[in-house]
Amino acid sequence: METSDGNVLKVMVTAPSKKRKANIAVAELLAKKFGVSKNRGTLVAGKIDWRKILRIKGDPVILSTNAQQWMNL
């Protein structure tokens, strides 16, 4: 999705925000969608905000390809 902040992915999870469960669920969902293991996603910003910035570690070409495919759904 394109916004005034640039391209962003909008995701929703059902996990509660208590004890970071929602943050963990978002990181796990994105890792799965990008095709990397759960520990390859790290929350960079937005610990208590509904807007999150995550860093996903992996091959940039593969991550970019997966992101483009996912964003085109």
C-alpha atoms as a PDB file:
ATOM      1  CA  MET A   1       0.000   0.000   0.000  1.00  0.00           C
ATOM      2  CA  GLU A   2       1.382   3.409  -0.884  1.00  0.00           C
ATOM      3  CA  THR A   3       1.028   6.134   1.740  1.00  0.00           C
ATOM      4  CA  SER A   4       2.527   9.535   2.463  1.00  0.00           C
ATOM      5  CA  ASP A   5       5.225   7.608   4.364  1.00  0.00           C
ATOM      6  CA  GLY A   6       6.083   5.554   1.266  1.00  0.00           C
ATOM      7  CA  ASN A   7       5.217   1.938   0.553  1.00  0.00           C
ATOM      8  CA  VAL A   8       3.926   0.077   3.583  1.00  0.00           C
ATOM      9  CA  LEU A   9       2.395  -3.295   4.276  1.00  0.00           C
ATOM     10  CA  LYS A  10      -0.790  -3.295   6.290  1.00  0.00           C
ATOM     11  CA  VAL A  11      -1.283  -6.410   8.386  1.00  0.00           C
ATOM     12  CA  MET A  12      -3.704  -7.402  11.091  1.00  0.00           C
ATOM     13  CA  VAL A  13      -3.243 -10.042  13.764  1.00  0.00           C
ATOM     14  CA  THR A  14      -5.628 -11.376  16.370  1.00  0.00           C
ATOM     15  CA  ALA A  15      -3.028 -11.654  19.136  1.00  0.00           C
ATOM     16  CA  PRO A  16      -3.556  -9.324  22.112  1.00  0.00           C
ATOM     17  CA  SER A  17      -1.173  -6.419  22.671  1.00  0.00           C
ATOM     18  CA  LYS A  18      -0.387  -7.631  26.185  1.00  0.00           C
ATOM     19  CA  LYS A  19       3.100  -9.007  26.807  1.00  0.00           C
ATOM     20  CA  ARG A  20       4.216  -8.092  23.267  1.00  0.00           C
ATOM     21  CA  LYS A  21       2.113 -10.925  21.797  1.00  0.00           C
ATOM     22  CA  ALA A  22       0.842  -8.741  18.945  1.00  0.00           C
ATOM     23  CA  ASN A  23       4.381  -7.561  18.071  1.00  0.00           C
ATOM     24  CA  ILE A  24       5.598 -11.157  18.044  1.00  0.00           C
ATOM     25  CA  ALA A  25       2.645 -12.225  15.893  1.00  0.00           C
ATOM     26  CA  VAL A  26       3.367  -9.470  13.352  1.00  0.00           C
ATOM     27  CA  ALA A  27       7.062 -10.403  13.170  1.00  0.00           C
ATOM     28  CA  GLU A  28       6.198 -14.092  12.746  1.00  0.00           C
ATOM     29  CA  LEU A  29       3.584 -13.365  10.067  1.00  0.00           C
ATOM     30  CA  LEU A  30       5.990 -11.226   8.050  1.00  0.00           C
ATOM     31  CA  ALA A  31       8.800 -13.750   8.402  1.00  0.00           C
ATOM     32  CA  LYS A  32       6.488 -16.449   7.074  1.00  0.00           C
ATOM     33  CA  LYS A  33       5.321 -14.292   4.166  1.00  0.00           C
ATOM     34  CA  PHE A  34       8.899 -13.342   3.292  1.00  0.00           C
ATOM     35  CA  GLY A  35       9.994 -16.976   3.473  1.00  0.00           C
ATOM     36  CA  VAL A  36      12.503 -16.664   6.325  1.00  0.00           C
ATOM     37  CA  SER A  37      12.679 -18.195   9.797  1.00  0.00           C
ATOM     38  CA  LYS A  38      10.929 -16.428  12.695  1.00  0.00           C
ATOM     39  CA  ASN A  39      14.166 -15.198  14.234  1.00  0.00           C
ATOM     40  CA  ARG A  40      15.045 -13.238  11.050  1.00  0.00           C
ATOM     41  CA  GLY A  41      12.495 -10.506  11.842  1.00  0.00           C
ATOM     42  CA  THR A  42      13.339  -7.799  14.375  1.00  0.00           C
ATOM     43  CA  LEU A  43      11.152  -4.963  15.626  1.00  0.00           C
ATOM     44  CA  VAL A  44      13.099  -1.745  14.993  1.00  0.00           C
ATOM     45  CA  ALA A  45      10.479   0.829  16.005  1.00  0.00           C
ATOM     46  CA  GLY A  46       6.905   0.927  17.199  1.00  0.00           C
ATOM     47  CA  LYS A  47       7.047  -1.221  20.314  1.00  0.00           C
ATOM     48  CA  ILE A  48       3.923   0.465  21.730  1.00  0.00           C
ATOM     49  CA  ASP A  49       2.620   2.129  18.556  1.00  0.00           C
ATOM     50  CA  TRP A  50       0.240   0.583  16.046  1.00  0.00           C
ATOM     51  CA  ARG A  51       2.762   1.517  13.325  1.00  0.00           C
ATOM     52  CA  LYS A  52       5.741  -0.823  13.315  1.00  0.00           C
ATOM     53  CA  ILE A  53       9.071  -0.885  11.553  1.00  0.00           C
ATOM     54  CA  LEU A  54      10.573  -4.336  11.232  1.00  0.00           C
ATOM     55  CA  ARG A  55      13.897  -5.422   9.844  1.00  0.00           C
ATOM     56  CA  ILE A  56      13.801  -8.718   7.983  1.00  0.00           C
ATOM     57  CA  LYS A  57      17.196 -10.308   7.428  1.00  0.00           C
ATOM     58  CA  GLY A  58      17.779 -12.342   4.310  1.00  0.00           C
ATOM     59  CA  ASP A  59      18.799 -12.233   0.672  1.00  0.00           C
ATOM     60  CA  PRO A  60      17.695  -8.783  -0.594  1.00  0.00           C
ATOM     61  CA  VAL A  61      16.712 -10.105  -4.030  1.00  0.00           C
ATOM     62  CA  ILE A  62      14.527 -12.863  -2.592  1.00  0.00           C
ATOM     63  CA  LEU A  63      12.993 -10.534   0.025  1.00  0.00           C
ATOM     64  CA  SER A  64      12.223  -7.923  -2.622  1.00  0.00           C
ATOM     65  CA  THR A  65      10.645 -10.514  -4.918  1.00  0.00           C
ATOM     66  CA  ASN A  66       8.526 -11.917  -2.082  1.00  0.00           C
ATOM     67  CA  ALA A  67       7.461  -8.409  -1.038  1.00  0.00           C
ATOM     68  CA  GLN A  68       6.386  -7.519  -4.570  1.00  0.00           C
ATOM     69  CA  GLN A  69       4.383 -10.744  -4.915  1.00  0.00           C
ATOM     70  CA  TRP A  70       2.709 -10.247  -1.542  1.00  0.00           C
ATOM     71  CA  MET A  71       1.885  -6.579  -2.220  1.00  0.00           C
ATOM     72  CA  ASN A  72       0.267  -7.485  -5.543  1.00  0.00           C
ATOM     73  CA  LEU A  73      -2.322  -9.783  -3.937  1.00  0.00           C
END
